[in-house]
Amino acid sequence: PDQRHGNKIILALVAYNIALFVATKLFHVSVNARRDRIGNAVPHEQKEDYLSTTKHRGNKRLDFRFPH
């Protein structure tokens, strides 16, 4: 049987997944770089104060890094 239509749909889904993977990777790298810039610009004493007083939790904290 000729299944060209189904094959085109599968190829489109694979291409979409690849693009989504690349976009997610770039997002994680850029967020980590932004957090590094912010973290490196802050003096050590202020960084300790942030870590002890912040109400940010999980991935909202400035010391959190996305694995990639």
N, C-alpha and C. Protein backbone atom coordinates (compact mmCIF):
# COMPACT_ATOMS: atom_id res chain seq x y z
N PRO A 1 0.82 -1.20 0.00
CA PRO A 1 0.00 0.00 0.00
C PRO A 1 0.87 1.26 0.00
N ASP A 2 0.33 2.25 -0.63
CA ASP A 2 1.03 3.52 -0.73
C ASP A 2 0.68 4.37 0.49
N GLN A 3 1.68 4.68 1.29
CA GLN A 3 1.43 5.41 2.54
C GLN A 3 2.23 6.71 2.58
N ARG A 4 2.24 7.42 1.48
CA ARG A 4 3.01 8.66 1.41
C ARG A 4 2.47 9.71 2.37
N HIS A 5 1.16 9.80 2.48
CA HIS A 5 0.57 10.81 3.36
C HIS A 5 1.00 10.58 4.81
N GLY A 6 0.94 9.36 5.27
CA GLY A 6 1.35 9.04 6.64
C GLY A 6 2.83 9.27 6.86
N ASN A 7 3.65 8.93 5.84
CA ASN A 7 5.08 9.16 5.96
C ASN A 7 5.40 10.65 6.05
N LYS A 8 4.68 11.48 5.31
CA LYS A 8 4.90 12.93 5.38
C LYS A 8 4.55 13.46 6.77
N ILE A 9 3.48 12.94 7.34
CA ILE A 9 3.09 13.38 8.69
C ILE A 9 4.15 12.97 9.70
N ILE A 10 4.66 11.75 9.58
CA ILE A 10 5.69 11.28 10.51
C ILE A 10 6.96 12.12 10.36
N LEU A 11 7.36 12.41 9.14
CA LEU A 11 8.55 13.24 8.92
C LEU A 11 8.35 14.65 9.48
N ALA A 12 7.16 15.19 9.34
CA ALA A 12 6.88 16.52 9.90
C ALA A 12 6.97 16.49 11.42
N LEU A 13 6.45 15.44 12.04
CA LEU A 13 6.54 15.32 13.50
C LEU A 13 7.98 15.16 13.97
N VAL A 14 8.78 14.40 13.24
CA VAL A 14 10.19 14.24 13.60
C VAL A 14 10.92 15.57 13.46
N ALA A 15 10.67 16.30 12.38
CA ALA A 15 11.31 17.60 12.20
C ALA A 15 10.90 18.57 13.30
N TYR A 16 9.63 18.54 13.69
CA TYR A 16 9.15 19.39 14.77
C TYR A 16 9.84 19.04 16.08
N ASN A 17 9.99 17.75 16.37
CA ASN A 17 10.65 17.32 17.60
C ASN A 17 12.12 17.73 17.62
N ILE A 18 12.79 17.65 16.49
CA ILE A 18 14.19 18.08 16.42
C ILE A 18 14.30 19.57 16.67
N ALA A 19 13.42 20.35 16.05
CA ALA A 19 13.43 21.80 16.26
C ALA A 19 13.12 22.15 17.71
N LEU A 20 12.19 21.43 18.31
CA LEU A 20 11.85 21.67 19.71
C LEU A 20 13.02 21.32 20.63
N PHE A 21 13.73 20.25 20.33
CA PHE A 21 14.90 19.87 21.12
C PHE A 21 15.98 20.95 21.04
N VAL A 22 16.26 21.44 19.84
CA VAL A 22 17.28 22.48 19.66
C VAL A 22 16.86 23.76 20.38
N ALA A 23 15.60 24.14 20.26
CA ALA A 23 15.12 25.36 20.92
C ALA A 23 15.22 25.23 22.44
N THR A 24 14.89 24.07 22.98
CA THR A 24 14.98 23.85 24.42
C THR A 24 16.43 23.90 24.89
N LYS A 25 17.31 23.31 24.12
CA LYS A 25 18.74 23.33 24.45
C LYS A 25 19.26 24.77 24.48
N LEU A 26 18.92 25.55 23.45
CA LEU A 26 19.36 26.94 23.40
C LEU A 26 18.77 27.75 24.54
N PHE A 27 17.52 27.49 24.90
CA PHE A 27 16.90 28.18 26.02
C PHE A 27 17.63 27.89 27.32
N HIS A 28 17.93 26.62 27.58
CA HIS A 28 18.61 26.26 28.82
C HIS A 28 20.01 26.86 28.87
N VAL A 29 20.73 26.85 27.76
CA VAL A 29 22.07 27.43 27.73
C VAL A 29 22.00 28.93 27.98
N SER A 30 21.02 29.61 27.37
CA SER A 30 20.93 31.07 27.54
C SER A 30 20.50 31.44 28.95
N VAL A 31 19.59 30.69 29.55
CA VAL A 31 19.17 30.99 30.93
C VAL A 31 20.33 30.75 31.89
N ASN A 32 21.08 29.67 31.69
CA ASN A 32 22.24 29.41 32.55
C ASN A 32 23.28 30.52 32.40
N ALA A 33 23.52 30.98 31.18
CA ALA A 33 24.49 32.05 30.96
C ALA A 33 24.03 33.35 31.61
N ARG A 34 22.75 33.65 31.53
CA ARG A 34 22.22 34.87 32.16
C ARG A 34 22.37 34.78 33.67
N ARG A 35 22.07 33.63 34.24
CA ARG A 35 22.21 33.47 35.69
C ARG A 35 23.67 33.53 36.11
N ASP A 36 24.58 33.03 35.27
CA ASP A 36 26.01 33.14 35.58
C ASP A 36 26.45 34.60 35.58
N ARG A 37 25.98 35.37 34.59
CA ARG A 37 26.34 36.80 34.55
C ARG A 37 25.84 37.52 35.79
N ILE A 38 24.60 37.24 36.19
CA ILE A 38 24.03 37.88 37.37
C ILE A 38 24.80 37.44 38.62
N GLY A 39 25.07 36.15 38.72
CA GLY A 39 25.75 35.62 39.90
C GLY A 39 27.18 36.10 40.04
N ASN A 40 27.89 36.24 38.91
CA ASN A 40 29.28 36.69 38.96
C ASN A 40 29.39 38.19 39.22
N ALA A 41 28.34 38.95 38.95
CA ALA A 41 28.38 40.39 39.15
C ALA A 41 28.08 40.78 40.60
N VAL A 42 27.55 39.84 41.38
CA VAL A 42 27.15 40.12 42.76
C VAL A 42 28.31 39.80 43.70
N PRO A 43 28.61 40.69 44.65
CA PRO A 43 29.66 40.39 45.64
C PRO A 43 29.31 39.17 46.48
N HIS A 44 30.33 38.54 47.03
CA HIS A 44 30.15 37.30 47.79
C HIS A 44 29.22 37.49 48.98
N GLU A 45 29.33 38.61 49.68
CA GLU A 45 28.49 38.85 50.86
C GLU A 45 27.02 38.96 50.46
N GLN A 46 26.77 39.66 49.36
CA GLN A 46 25.39 39.82 48.90
C GLN A 46 24.83 38.48 48.41
N LYS A 47 25.68 37.66 47.82
CA LYS A 47 25.26 36.34 47.36
C LYS A 47 24.86 35.46 48.54
N GLU A 48 25.64 35.51 49.62
CA GLU A 48 25.29 34.74 50.82
C GLU A 48 23.98 35.23 51.41
N ASP A 49 23.77 36.54 51.41
CA ASP A 49 22.52 37.11 51.92
C ASP A 49 21.33 36.64 51.07
N TYR A 50 21.51 36.63 49.75
CA TYR A 50 20.44 36.16 48.86
C TYR A 50 20.09 34.70 49.16
N LEU A 51 21.12 33.87 49.30
CA LEU A 51 20.88 32.44 49.53
C LEU A 51 20.19 32.18 50.85
N SER A 52 20.45 33.02 51.86
CA SER A 52 19.85 32.77 53.16
C SER A 52 18.47 33.40 53.31
N THR A 53 18.15 34.42 52.51
CA THR A 53 16.88 35.13 52.70
C THR A 53 15.89 34.98 51.55
N THR A 54 16.28 34.37 50.45
CA THR A 54 15.39 34.33 49.29
C THR A 54 14.19 33.43 49.52
N LYS A 55 13.10 33.81 48.91
CA LYS A 55 11.90 32.97 48.93
C LYS A 55 11.73 32.23 47.61
N HIS A 56 12.66 32.44 46.68
CA HIS A 56 12.62 31.71 45.42
C HIS A 56 12.89 30.24 45.69
N ARG A 57 12.17 29.39 44.98
CA ARG A 57 12.32 27.95 45.17
C ARG A 57 12.53 27.28 43.83
N GLY A 58 13.22 26.16 43.84
CA GLY A 58 13.40 25.36 42.64
C GLY A 58 14.16 26.09 41.56
N ASN A 59 13.64 26.06 40.34
CA ASN A 59 14.36 26.65 39.22
C ASN A 59 14.25 28.17 39.16
N LYS A 60 13.58 28.79 40.11
CA LYS A 60 13.50 30.25 40.16
C LYS A 60 14.71 30.85 40.88
N ARG A 61 15.46 30.02 41.61
CA ARG A 61 16.63 30.51 42.33
C ARG A 61 17.75 30.85 41.35
N LEU A 62 18.55 31.84 41.70
CA LEU A 62 19.65 32.24 40.83
C LEU A 62 20.80 31.24 40.84
N ASP A 63 20.87 30.37 41.85
CA ASP A 63 21.94 29.39 41.89
C ASP A 63 21.54 28.06 41.24
N PHE A 64 20.33 27.98 40.70
CA PHE A 64 19.87 26.77 40.00
C PHE A 64 20.38 26.80 38.57
N ARG A 65 20.87 25.67 38.08
CA ARG A 65 21.32 25.55 36.69
C ARG A 65 20.55 24.42 36.03
N PHE A 66 20.07 24.70 34.82
CA PHE A 66 19.39 23.65 34.05
C PHE A 66 20.44 22.69 33.52
N PRO A 67 20.24 21.39 33.69
CA PRO A 67 21.18 20.44 33.08
C PRO A 67 20.94 20.38 31.58
N HIS A 68 22.01 20.32 30.83
CA HIS A 68 21.86 20.22 29.37
C HIS A 68 23.00 19.45 28.79
